[in-house]
PDB file of all heavy atoms in Angstrom:
ATOM      1  N   THR A   1       0.832  -1.151   0.025  1.00  0.00           N
ATOM      2  CA  THR A   1      -0.022   0.019  -0.032  1.00  0.00           C
ATOM      3  C   THR A   1       0.924   1.172  -0.011  1.00  0.00           C
ATOM      4  O   THR A   1       2.072   1.219   0.421  1.00  0.00           O
ATOM      5  CB  THR A   1      -0.976   0.047   1.234  1.00  0.00           C
ATOM      6  OG1 THR A   1      -0.150   0.026   2.437  1.00  0.00           O
ATOM      7  CG2 THR A   1      -1.854  -1.170   1.213  1.00  0.00           C
ATOM      8  N   TYR A   2       0.321   2.337  -0.506  1.00  0.00           N
ATOM      9  CA  TYR A   2       1.096   3.601  -0.598  1.00  0.00           C
ATOM     10  C   TYR A   2       0.174   4.772  -0.371  1.00  0.00           C
ATOM     11  O   TYR A   2      -0.850   4.912  -1.139  1.00  0.00           O
ATOM     12  CB  TYR A   2       1.846   3.683  -1.905  1.00  0.00           C
ATOM     13  CG  TYR A   2       2.759   4.835  -2.044  1.00  0.00           C
ATOM     14  CD1 TYR A   2       4.031   4.926  -1.459  1.00  0.00           C
ATOM     15  CD2 TYR A   2       2.318   6.028  -2.686  1.00  0.00           C
ATOM     16  CE1 TYR A   2       4.845   5.978  -1.616  1.00  0.00           C
ATOM     17  CE2 TYR A   2       3.225   7.109  -2.840  1.00  0.00           C
ATOM     18  CZ  TYR A   2       4.421   7.079  -2.249  1.00  0.00           C
ATOM     19  OH  TYR A   2       5.280   8.173  -2.320  1.00  0.00           O
ATOM     20  N   PRO A   3       0.521   5.768   0.562  1.00  0.00           N
ATOM     21  CA  PRO A   3      -0.377   6.857   0.795  1.00  0.00           C
ATOM     22  C   PRO A   3      -0.168   7.899  -0.333  1.00  0.00           C
ATOM     23  O   PRO A   3       0.962   8.337  -0.658  1.00  0.00           O
ATOM     24  CB  PRO A   3       0.043   7.356   2.109  1.00  0.00           C
ATOM     25  CG  PRO A   3       1.482   6.935   2.253  1.00  0.00           C
ATOM     26  CD  PRO A   3       1.638   5.729   1.467  1.00  0.00           C
ATOM     27  N   MET A   4      -1.274   8.447  -0.877  1.00  0.00           N
ATOM     28  CA  MET A   4      -1.259   9.439  -1.904  1.00  0.00           C
ATOM     29  C   MET A   4      -1.908  10.764  -1.476  1.00  0.00           C
ATOM     30  O   MET A   4      -2.917  10.689  -0.714  1.00  0.00           O
ATOM     31  CB  MET A   4      -1.848   8.931  -3.183  1.00  0.00           C
ATOM     32  CG  MET A   4      -1.272   7.660  -3.741  1.00  0.00           C
ATOM     33  SD  MET A   4      -1.987   7.202  -5.351  1.00  0.00           S
ATOM     34  CE  MET A   4      -3.661   6.672  -4.809  1.00  0.00           C
ATOM     35  N   THR A   5      -1.369  11.859  -1.900  1.00  0.00           N
ATOM     36  CA  THR A   5      -1.849  13.218  -1.593  1.00  0.00           C
ATOM     37  C   THR A   5      -2.731  13.704  -2.739  1.00  0.00           C
ATOM     38  O   THR A   5      -2.372  13.498  -3.924  1.00  0.00           O
ATOM     39  CB  THR A   5      -0.745  14.248  -1.331  1.00  0.00           C
ATOM     40  OG1 THR A   5       0.039  13.752  -0.283  1.00  0.00           O
ATOM     41  CG2 THR A   5      -1.272  15.613  -1.102  1.00  0.00           C
ATOM     42  N   GLY A   6      -3.885  14.229  -2.478  1.00  0.00           N
ATOM     43  CA  GLY A   6      -4.805  14.715  -3.528  1.00  0.00           C
ATOM     44  C   GLY A   6      -4.105  15.748  -4.454  1.00  0.00           C
ATOM     45  O   GLY A   6      -3.352  16.586  -4.019  1.00  0.00           O
ATOM     46  N   THR A   7      -4.459  15.626  -5.715  1.00  0.00           N
ATOM     47  CA  THR A   7      -3.929  16.437  -6.798  1.00  0.00           C
ATOM     48  C   THR A   7      -2.489  16.098  -7.285  1.00  0.00           C
ATOM     49  O   THR A   7      -1.981  16.694  -8.233  1.00  0.00           O
ATOM     50  CB  THR A   7      -4.077  18.020  -6.563  1.00  0.00           C
ATOM     51  OG1 THR A   7      -3.042  18.442  -5.553  1.00  0.00           O
ATOM     52  CG2 THR A   7      -5.442  18.337  -6.067  1.00  0.00           C
ATOM     53  N   HIS A   8      -1.842  15.242  -6.591  1.00  0.00           N
ATOM     54  CA  HIS A   8      -0.468  14.831  -7.017  1.00  0.00           C
ATOM     55  C   HIS A   8      -0.659  13.718  -8.103  1.00  0.00           C
ATOM     56  O   HIS A   8      -1.687  13.030  -8.160  1.00  0.00           O
ATOM     57  CB  HIS A   8       0.267  14.227  -5.833  1.00  0.00           C
ATOM     58  CG  HIS A   8       0.857  15.225  -4.897  1.00  0.00           C
ATOM     59  ND1 HIS A   8       2.141  15.103  -4.335  1.00  0.00           N
ATOM     60  CD2 HIS A   8       0.371  16.369  -4.475  1.00  0.00           C
ATOM     61  CE1 HIS A   8       2.384  16.181  -3.545  1.00  0.00           C
ATOM     62  NE2 HIS A   8       1.317  16.980  -3.644  1.00  0.00           N
ATOM     63  N   THR A   9       0.339  13.575  -8.914  1.00  0.00           N
ATOM     64  CA  THR A   9       0.359  12.534  -9.959  1.00  0.00           C
ATOM     65  C   THR A   9       1.514  11.512  -9.589  1.00  0.00           C
ATOM     66  O   THR A   9       2.627  11.859  -9.387  1.00  0.00           O
ATOM     67  CB  THR A   9       0.629  13.149 -11.301  1.00  0.00           C
ATOM     68  OG1 THR A   9      -0.371  14.011 -11.643  1.00  0.00           O
ATOM     69  CG2 THR A   9       0.729  12.081 -12.364  1.00  0.00           C
ATOM     70  N   TYR A  10       1.098  10.259  -9.495  1.00  0.00           N
ATOM     71  CA  TYR A  10       1.933   9.156  -9.082  1.00  0.00           C
ATOM     72  C   TYR A  10       2.110   8.171 -10.266  1.00  0.00           C
ATOM     73  O   TYR A  10       1.080   7.674 -10.881  1.00  0.00           O
ATOM     74  CB  TYR A  10       1.386   8.418  -7.912  1.00  0.00           C
ATOM     75  CG  TYR A  10       1.284   9.312  -6.678  1.00  0.00           C
ATOM     76  CD1 TYR A  10       0.104  10.064  -6.440  1.00  0.00           C
ATOM     77  CD2 TYR A  10       2.311   9.426  -5.754  1.00  0.00           C
ATOM     78  CE1 TYR A  10       0.000  10.848  -5.346  1.00  0.00           C
ATOM     79  CE2 TYR A  10       2.218  10.319  -4.689  1.00  0.00           C
ATOM     80  CZ  TYR A  10       1.073  10.927  -4.487  1.00  0.00           C
ATOM     81  OH  TYR A  10       0.949  11.800  -3.369  1.00  0.00           O
ATOM     82  N   VAL A  11       3.341   7.922 -10.565  1.00  0.00           N
ATOM     83  CA  VAL A  11       3.695   6.933 -11.667  1.00  0.00           C
ATOM     84  C   VAL A  11       4.358   5.737 -10.973  1.00  0.00           C
ATOM     85  O   VAL A  11       5.427   5.858 -10.370  1.00  0.00           O
ATOM     86  CB  VAL A  11       4.589   7.478 -12.875  1.00  0.00           C
ATOM     87  CG1 VAL A  11       4.898   6.475 -13.770  1.00  0.00           C
ATOM     88  CG2 VAL A  11       3.868   8.717 -13.362  1.00  0.00           C
ATOM     89  N   PHE A  12       3.681   4.575 -11.084  1.00  0.00           N
ATOM     90  CA  PHE A  12       4.183   3.352 -10.529  1.00  0.00           C
ATOM     91  C   PHE A  12       4.831   2.572 -11.613  1.00  0.00           C
ATOM     92  O   PHE A  12       4.275   2.305 -12.735  1.00  0.00           O
ATOM     93  CB  PHE A  12       3.032   2.599  -9.861  1.00  0.00           C
ATOM     94  CG  PHE A  12       2.442   3.272  -8.714  1.00  0.00           C
ATOM     95  CD1 PHE A  12       1.366   4.069  -8.900  1.00  0.00           C
ATOM     96  CD2 PHE A  12       2.988   3.271  -7.476  1.00  0.00           C
ATOM     97  CE1 PHE A  12       0.683   4.801  -7.858  1.00  0.00           C
ATOM     98  CE2 PHE A  12       2.450   3.928  -6.363  1.00  0.00           C
ATOM     99  CZ  PHE A  12       1.350   4.729  -6.560  1.00  0.00           C
ATOM    100  N   THR A  13       5.979   1.933 -11.402  1.00  0.00           N
ATOM    101  CA  THR A  13       6.734   1.141 -12.395  1.00  0.00           C
ATOM    102  C   THR A  13       7.317  -0.101 -11.692  1.00  0.00           C
ATOM    103  O   THR A  13       7.502  -0.137 -10.501  1.00  0.00           O
ATOM    104  CB  THR A  13       7.838   1.947 -13.003  1.00  0.00           C
ATOM    105  OG1 THR A  13       8.721   2.439 -12.004  1.00  0.00           O
ATOM    106  CG2 THR A  13       7.373   3.194 -13.806  1.00  0.00           C
ATOM    107  N   LEU A  14       7.637  -1.106 -12.470  1.00  0.00           N
ATOM    108  CA  LEU A  14       8.231  -2.352 -12.090  1.00  0.00           C
ATOM    109  C   LEU A  14       9.696  -2.303 -12.511  1.00  0.00           C
ATOM    110  O   LEU A  14       9.996  -1.929 -13.674  1.00  0.00           O
ATOM    111  CB  LEU A  14       7.592  -3.627 -12.723  1.00  0.00           C
ATOM    112  CG  LEU A  14       6.206  -3.936 -12.211  1.00  0.00           C
ATOM    113  CD1 LEU A  14       5.760  -5.309 -12.902  1.00  0.00           C
ATOM    114  CD2 LEU A  14       6.171  -4.026 -10.728  1.00  0.00           C
ATOM    115  N   LYS A  15      10.543  -2.674 -11.520  1.00  0.00           N
ATOM    116  CA  LYS A  15      12.072  -2.696 -11.803  1.00  0.00           C
ATOM    117  C   LYS A  15      12.567  -3.993 -11.297  1.00  0.00           C
ATOM    118  O   LYS A  15      11.966  -4.626 -10.430  1.00  0.00           O
ATOM    119  CB  LYS A  15      12.743  -1.569 -11.210  1.00  0.00           C
ATOM    120  CG  LYS A  15      12.331  -0.190 -11.837  1.00  0.00           C
ATOM    121  CD  LYS A  15      13.232   0.978 -11.275  1.00  0.00           C
ATOM    122  CE  LYS A  15      12.800   2.318 -11.890  1.00  0.00           C
ATOM    123  NZ  LYS A  15      13.713   3.428 -11.470  1.00  0.00           N
ATOM    124  N   TRP A  16      13.832  -4.323 -11.732  1.00  0.00           N
ATOM    125  CA  TRP A  16      14.478  -5.580 -11.233  1.00  0.00           C
ATOM    126  C   TRP A  16      15.932  -5.526 -11.203  1.00  0.00           C
ATOM    127  O   TRP A  16      16.501  -4.547 -11.884  1.00  0.00           O
ATOM    128  CB  TRP A  16      13.895  -6.779 -11.921  1.00  0.00           C
ATOM    129  CG  TRP A  16      14.129  -6.859 -13.395  1.00  0.00           C
ATOM    130  CD1 TRP A  16      14.442  -5.814 -14.327  1.00  0.00           C
ATOM    131  CD2 TRP A  16      14.124  -8.015 -14.292  1.00  0.00           C
ATOM    132  NE1 TRP A  16      14.578  -6.227 -15.573  1.00  0.00           N
ATOM    133  CE2 TRP A  16      14.351  -7.652 -15.612  1.00  0.00           C
ATOM    134  CE3 TRP A  16      13.853  -9.337 -14.003  1.00  0.00           C
ATOM    135  CZ2 TRP A  16      14.368  -8.525 -16.660  1.00  0.00           C
ATOM    136  CZ3 TRP A  16      13.838 -10.254 -15.092  1.00  0.00           C
ATOM    137  CH2 TRP A  16      14.111  -9.820 -16.371  1.00  0.00           C
ATOM    138  N   LYS A  17      16.535  -6.424 -10.560  1.00  0.00           N
ATOM    139  CA  LYS A  17      18.002  -6.582 -10.588  1.00  0.00           C
ATOM    140  C   LYS A  17      18.297  -7.959 -10.088  1.00  0.00           C
ATOM    141  O   LYS A  17      17.442  -8.717  -9.654  1.00  0.00           O
ATOM    142  CB  LYS A  17      18.671  -5.486  -9.662  1.00  0.00           C
ATOM    143  CG  LYS A  17      18.295  -5.504  -8.221  1.00  0.00           C
ATOM    144  CD  LYS A  17      18.961  -4.476  -7.447  1.00  0.00           C
ATOM    145  CE  LYS A  17      18.756  -4.600  -5.951  1.00  0.00           C
ATOM    146  NZ  LYS A  17      19.311  -5.726  -5.341  1.00  0.00           N
ATOM    147  N   THR A  18      19.637  -8.315  -9.961  1.00  0.00           N
ATOM    148  CA  THR A  18      20.052  -9.517  -9.392  1.00  0.00           C
ATOM    149  C   THR A  18      20.398  -9.189  -7.934  1.00  0.00           C
ATOM    150  O   THR A  18      20.488  -8.065  -7.551  1.00  0.00           O
ATOM    151  CB  THR A  18      21.352 -10.222 -10.014  1.00  0.00           C
ATOM    152  OG1 THR A  18      22.332  -9.129 -10.132  1.00  0.00           O
ATOM    153  CG2 THR A  18      20.964 -10.731 -11.490  1.00  0.00           C
ATOM    154  N   ASN A  19      20.534 -10.279  -7.101  1.00  0.00           N
ATOM    155  CA  ASN A  19      20.741 -10.076  -5.683  1.00  0.00           C
ATOM    156  C   ASN A  19      22.287  -9.759  -5.369  1.00  0.00           C
ATOM    157  O   ASN A  19      22.637  -9.343  -4.295  1.00  0.00           O
ATOM    158  CB  ASN A  19      20.345 -11.292  -4.915  1.00  0.00           C
ATOM    159  CG  ASN A  19      21.179 -12.540  -5.228  1.00  0.00           C
ATOM    160  OD1 ASN A  19      21.433 -12.797  -6.371  1.00  0.00           O
ATOM    161  ND2 ASN A  19      21.558 -13.240  -4.162  1.00  0.00           N
ATOM    162  N   LYS A  20      23.087  -9.856  -6.408  1.00  0.00           N
ATOM    163  CA  LYS A  20      24.556  -9.527  -6.264  1.00  0.00           C
ATOM    164  C   LYS A  20      25.089  -9.301  -7.669  1.00  0.00           C
ATOM    165  O   LYS A  20      24.450  -9.598  -8.660  1.00  0.00           O
ATOM    166  CB  LYS A  20      25.244 -10.731  -5.518  1.00  0.00           C
ATOM    167  CG  LYS A  20      25.112 -12.006  -6.203  1.00  0.00           C
ATOM    168  CD  LYS A  20      25.824 -13.157  -5.440  1.00  0.00           C
ATOM    169  CE  LYS A  20      25.680 -14.523  -6.057  1.00  0.00           C
ATOM    170  NZ  LYS A  20      26.329 -15.616  -5.317  1.00  0.00           N
ATOM    171  N   ASN A  21      26.291  -8.814  -7.671  1.00  0.00           N
ATOM    172  CA  ASN A  21      26.882  -8.562  -8.949  1.00  0.00           C
ATOM    173  C   ASN A  21      26.975  -9.847  -9.841  1.00  0.00           C
ATOM    174  O   ASN A  21      27.391 -10.890  -9.361  1.00  0.00           O
ATOM    175  CB  ASN A  21      28.365  -8.098  -8.798  1.00  0.00           C
ATOM    176  CG  ASN A  21      29.020  -7.575 -10.053  1.00  0.00           C
ATOM    177  OD1 ASN A  21      28.301  -7.028 -10.986  1.00  0.00           O
ATOM    178  ND2 ASN A  21      30.349  -7.714 -10.168  1.00  0.00           N
ATOM    179  N   ALA A  22      26.505  -9.727 -11.090  1.00  0.00           N
ATOM    180  CA  ALA A  22      26.240 -10.909 -11.865  1.00  0.00           C
ATOM    181  C   ALA A  22      26.831 -10.817 -13.280  1.00  0.00           C
ATOM    182  O   ALA A  22      26.017 -10.916 -14.286  1.00  0.00           O
ATOM    183  CB  ALA A  22      24.720 -11.250 -11.878  1.00  0.00           C
ATOM    184  N   PRO A  23      28.180 -10.652 -13.488  1.00  0.00           N
ATOM    185  CA  PRO A  23      28.722 -10.503 -14.839  1.00  0.00           C
ATOM    186  C   PRO A  23      28.518 -11.810 -15.536  1.00  0.00           C
ATOM    187  O   PRO A  23      28.741 -12.919 -14.983  1.00  0.00           O
ATOM    188  CB  PRO A  23      30.177 -10.280 -14.510  1.00  0.00           C
ATOM    189  CG  PRO A  23      30.428 -10.716 -13.199  1.00  0.00           C
ATOM    190  CD  PRO A  23      29.142 -10.552 -12.359  1.00  0.00           C
ATOM    191  N   GLY A  24      28.024 -11.728 -16.799  1.00  0.00           N
ATOM    192  CA  GLY A  24      27.845 -13.010 -17.576  1.00  0.00           C
ATOM    193  C   GLY A  24      26.579 -13.701 -17.287  1.00  0.00           C
ATOM    194  O   GLY A  24      26.322 -14.693 -17.944  1.00  0.00           O
ATOM    195  N   ALA A  25      25.720 -13.268 -16.372  1.00  0.00           N
ATOM    196  CA  ALA A  25      24.520 -13.875 -15.995  1.00  0.00           C
ATOM    197  C   ALA A  25      23.295 -13.233 -16.564  1.00  0.00           C
ATOM    198  O   ALA A  25      23.359 -11.963 -16.707  1.00  0.00           O
ATOM    199  CB  ALA A  25      24.390 -14.081 -14.517  1.00  0.00           C
ATOM    200  N   THR A  26      22.272 -13.920 -16.773  1.00  0.00           N
ATOM    201  CA  THR A  26      20.934 -13.362 -17.333  1.00  0.00           C
ATOM    202  C   THR A  26      19.801 -13.880 -16.500  1.00  0.00           C
ATOM    203  O   THR A  26      19.739 -15.054 -16.202  1.00  0.00           O
ATOM    204  CB  THR A  26      20.830 -13.729 -18.835  1.00  0.00           C
ATOM    205  OG1 THR A  26      21.812 -13.219 -19.605  1.00  0.00           O
ATOM    206  CG2 THR A  26      19.396 -13.126 -19.323  1.00  0.00           C
ATOM    207  N   ILE A  27      18.962 -12.955 -16.050  1.00  0.00           N
ATOM    208  CA  ILE A  27      17.744 -13.267 -15.401  1.00  0.00           C
ATOM    209  C   ILE A  27      16.503 -13.024 -16.353  1.00  0.00           C
ATOM    210  O   ILE A  27      16.657 -12.196 -17.294  1.00  0.00           O
ATOM    211  CB  ILE A  27      17.556 -12.592 -14.043  1.00  0.00           C
ATOM    212  CG1 ILE A  27      17.545 -11.128 -14.232  1.00  0.00           C
ATOM    213  CG2 ILE A  27      18.645 -13.028 -13.079  1.00  0.00           C
ATOM    214  CD1 ILE A  27      17.273 -10.329 -12.897  1.00  0.00           C
ATOM    215  N   PHE A  28      15.386 -13.686 -16.058  1.00  0.00           N
ATOM    216  CA  PHE A  28      14.246 -13.639 -17.015  1.00  0.00           C
ATOM    217  C   PHE A  28      13.032 -13.392 -16.186  1.00  0.00           C
ATOM    218  O   PHE A  28      12.861 -13.771 -15.012  1.00  0.00           O
ATOM    219  CB  PHE A  28      14.105 -15.017 -17.709  1.00  0.00           C
ATOM    220  CG  PHE A  28      15.224 -15.327 -18.677  1.00  0.00           C
ATOM    221  CD1 PHE A  28      16.388 -15.929 -18.095  1.00  0.00           C
ATOM    222  CD2 PHE A  28      15.207 -15.053 -19.995  1.00  0.00           C
ATOM    223  CE1 PHE A  28      17.489 -16.273 -18.991  1.00  0.00           C
ATOM    224  CE2 PHE A  28      16.302 -15.360 -20.842  1.00  0.00           C
ATOM    225  CZ  PHE A  28      17.414 -15.995 -20.307  1.00  0.00           C
ATOM    226  N   ALA A  29      11.985 -12.780 -16.852  1.00  0.00           N
ATOM    227  CA  ALA A  29      10.596 -12.553 -16.420  1.00  0.00           C
ATOM    228  C   ALA A  29       9.703 -13.071 -17.518  1.00  0.00           C
ATOM    229  O   ALA A  29       9.847 -12.584 -18.666  1.00  0.00           O
ATOM    230  CB  ALA A  29      10.368 -11.199 -15.915  1.00  0.00           C
ATOM    231  N   GLY A  30       8.755 -13.897 -17.207  1.00  0.00           N
ATOM    232  CA  GLY A  30       7.832 -14.499 -18.230  1.00  0.00           C
ATOM    233  C   GLY A  30       8.252 -15.929 -18.587  1.00  0.00           C
ATOM    234  O   GLY A  30       9.316 -16.123 -19.062  1.00  0.00           O
ATOM    235  N   ALA A  31       7.371 -16.907 -18.345  1.00  0.00           N
ATOM    236  CA  ALA A  31       7.700 -18.278 -18.574  1.00  0.00           C
ATOM    237  C   ALA A  31       6.859 -18.843 -19.712  1.00  0.00           C
ATOM    238  O   ALA A  31       5.837 -18.219 -20.191  1.00  0.00           O
ATOM    239  CB  ALA A  31       7.387 -19.074 -17.381  1.00  0.00           C
ATOM    240  N   GLY A  32       7.253 -20.000 -20.232  1.00  0.00           N
ATOM    241  CA  GLY A  32       6.508 -20.645 -21.320  1.00  0.00           C
ATOM    242  C   GLY A  32       7.274 -20.502 -22.634  1.00  0.00           C
ATOM    243  O   GLY A  32       8.425 -20.192 -22.656  1.00  0.00           O
ATOM    244  N   SER A  33       6.507 -20.742 -23.691  1.00  0.00           N
ATOM    245  CA  SER A  33       7.147 -20.765 -25.076  1.00  0.00           C
ATOM    246  C   SER A  33       6.522 -19.697 -25.883  1.00  0.00           C
ATOM    247  O   SER A  33       6.840 -19.655 -27.133  1.00  0.00           O
ATOM    248  CB  SER A  33       7.020 -22.110 -25.704  1.00  0.00           C
ATOM    249  OG  SER A  33       5.720 -22.542 -25.749  1.00  0.00           O
TER     250      SER A  33
END
């Protein structure tokens, strides 16, 4: 949950990263073919 103030504009986005430095590694979102 997130409190919002009237007349403000809020933009919500999704972001990601690995849990530690990951040179040469790839992570994915979305499964199937």
